[in-house]
C-alpha atoms as a PDB file:
ATOM      1  CA  MET A   1     170.546 214.055  65.541  1.00  0.00           C
ATOM      2  CA  LYS A   2     168.808 214.162  62.167  1.00  0.00           C
ATOM      3  CA  SER A   3     165.548 216.061  62.008  1.00  0.00           C
ATOM      4  CA  ILE A   4     163.280 214.495  59.413  1.00  0.00           C
ATOM      5  CA  LYS A   5     159.857 215.762  58.404  1.00  0.00           C
ATOM      6  CA  ILE A   6     157.286 214.132  56.191  1.00  0.00           C
ATOM      7  CA  LEU A   7     155.030 216.777  54.655  1.00  0.00           C
ATOM      8  CA  GLY A   8     151.682 215.438  53.529  1.00  0.00           C
ATOM      9  CA  SER A   9     147.961 215.216  54.047  1.00  0.00           C
ATOM     10  CA  GLY A  10     148.066 211.748  55.573  1.00  0.00           C
ATOM     11  CA  CYS A  11     147.412 209.922  52.296  1.00  0.00           C
ATOM     12  CA  ALA A  12     148.650 206.396  51.595  1.00  0.00           C
ATOM     13  CA  LYS A  13     151.862 207.679  49.945  1.00  0.00           C
ATOM     14  CA  CYS A  14     152.566 209.939  52.933  1.00  0.00           C
ATOM     15  CA  ASN A  15     152.155 207.027  55.348  1.00  0.00           C
ATOM     16  CA  LYS A  16     154.328 204.812  53.162  1.00  0.00           C
ATOM     17  CA  LEU A  17     157.072 207.436  53.082  1.00  0.00           C
ATOM     18  CA  TYR A  18     156.907 207.714  56.880  1.00  0.00           C
ATOM     19  CA  GLU A  19     157.318 203.934  57.215  1.00  0.00           C
ATOM     20  CA  GLN A  20     160.167 203.790  54.649  1.00  0.00           C
ATOM     21  CA  VAL A  21     162.029 206.690  56.319  1.00  0.00           C
ATOM     22  CA  ASN A  22     161.859 204.979  59.698  1.00  0.00           C
ATOM     23  CA  GLN A  23     163.109 201.745  58.171  1.00  0.00           C
ATOM     24  CA  ALA A  24     165.973 203.472  56.278  1.00  0.00           C
ATOM     25  CA  ALA A  25     167.089 205.562  59.252  1.00  0.00           C
ATOM     26  CA  GLY A  26     166.831 202.558  61.536  1.00  0.00           C
ATOM     27  CA  GLN A  27     169.113 200.550  59.261  1.00  0.00           C
ATOM     28  CA  MET A  28     171.641 203.418  59.301  1.00  0.00           C
ATOM     29  CA  ASN A  29     171.983 203.297  63.099  1.00  0.00           C
ATOM     30  CA  ILE A  30     171.752 207.095  63.467  1.00  0.00           C
ATOM     31  CA  GLU A  31     169.941 209.249  65.945  1.00  0.00           C
ATOM     32  CA  TYR A  32     166.903 210.721  64.284  1.00  0.00           C
ATOM     33  CA  GLU A  33     163.465 212.130  64.867  1.00  0.00           C
ATOM     34  CA  VAL A  34     160.658 211.840  62.301  1.00  0.00           C
ATOM     35  CA  GLU A  35     157.709 214.213  62.376  1.00  0.00           C
ATOM     36  CA  LYS A  36     154.563 214.063  60.236  1.00  0.00           C
ATOM     37  CA  VAL A  37     153.499 217.549  59.168  1.00  0.00           C
ATOM     38  CA  THR A  38     149.971 218.058  57.800  1.00  0.00           C
ATOM     39  CA  ASP A  39     149.743 221.855  58.088  1.00  0.00           C
ATOM     40  CA  MET A  40     149.517 223.409  54.614  1.00  0.00           C
ATOM     41  CA  ASN A  41     151.201 226.568  55.909  1.00  0.00           C
ATOM     42  CA  GLU A  42     154.321 224.501  56.604  1.00  0.00           C
ATOM     43  CA  PHE A  43     154.236 223.132  53.055  1.00  0.00           C
ATOM     44  CA  VAL A  44     154.294 226.729  51.773  1.00  0.00           C
ATOM     45  CA  LYS A  45     157.235 227.617  54.022  1.00  0.00           C
ATOM     46  CA  TYR A  46     159.273 224.899  52.325  1.00  0.00           C
ATOM     47  CA  GLY A  47     157.922 225.721  48.829  1.00  0.00           C
ATOM     48  CA  VAL A  48     156.358 222.282  48.520  1.00  0.00           C
ATOM     49  CA  MET A  49     153.501 222.009  46.028  1.00  0.00           C
ATOM     50  CA  ILE A  50     153.363 218.217  45.665  1.00  0.00           C
ATOM     51  CA  THR A  51     153.230 215.751  48.551  1.00  0.00           C
ATOM     52  CA  PRO A  52     154.539 213.654  50.057  1.00  0.00           C
ATOM     53  CA  ALA A  53     157.701 215.602  50.668  1.00  0.00           C
ATOM     54  CA  LEU A  54     160.820 214.644  52.610  1.00  0.00           C
ATOM     55  CA  VAL A  55     162.633 217.358  54.577  1.00  0.00           C
ATOM     56  CA  VAL A  56     165.926 216.523  56.278  1.00  0.00           C
ATOM     57  CA  ASP A  57     167.514 219.100  58.597  1.00  0.00           C
ATOM     58  CA  GLY A  58     165.429 221.867  56.983  1.00  0.00           C
ATOM     59  CA  ASP A  59     166.254 220.968  53.341  1.00  0.00           C
ATOM     60  CA  VAL A  60     163.638 219.542  50.960  1.00  0.00           C
ATOM     61  CA  LYS A  61     165.125 216.305  49.597  1.00  0.00           C
ATOM     62  CA  SER A  62     162.178 214.777  47.712  1.00  0.00           C
ATOM     63  CA  THR A  63     158.624 215.660  46.608  1.00  0.00           C
ATOM     64  CA  GLY A  64     155.770 213.733  45.059  1.00  0.00           C
ATOM     65  CA  ALA A  65     157.302 210.267  45.411  1.00  0.00           C
ATOM     66  CA  VAL A  66     158.243 207.509  47.816  1.00  0.00           C
ATOM     67  CA  PRO A  67     161.925 206.772  47.135  1.00  0.00           C
ATOM     68  CA  SER A  68     163.404 203.326  47.707  1.00  0.00           C
ATOM     69  CA  ILE A  69     165.041 202.476  51.037  1.00  0.00           C
ATOM     70  CA  GLU A  70     168.493 202.814  49.469  1.00  0.00           C
ATOM     71  CA  LYS A  71     167.674 206.199  47.948  1.00  0.00           C
ATOM     72  CA  LEU A  72     166.242 207.378  51.268  1.00  0.00           C
ATOM     73  CA  LYS A  73     169.492 206.433  52.989  1.00  0.00           C
ATOM     74  CA  GLN A  74     171.375 208.626  50.490  1.00  0.00           C
ATOM     75  CA  LEU A  75     168.939 211.506  50.955  1.00  0.00           C
ATOM     76  CA  ILE A  76     169.123 211.315  54.741  1.00  0.00           C
ATOM     77  CA  ASN A  77     172.923 211.105  54.669  1.00  0.00           C
ATOM     78  CA  ASP A  78     173.490 214.061  52.274  1.00  0.00           C
END
């Protein structure tokens, strides 16, 4: 199962990334769990300074942007 975290304050970009990740992972037919993380201390643990950030299985894959569905599929799969 893929563990996916969206790090962000709950802004529009953060919410959009959450929606896009669910759509991308759903299209991939994989088992996954998406968690929204708004705790700044967690951001620091991952070294994230710009949100939204995408974390897959503990690795930061993207910061400060909302990648396309196709790009998200690649990031989730890597």
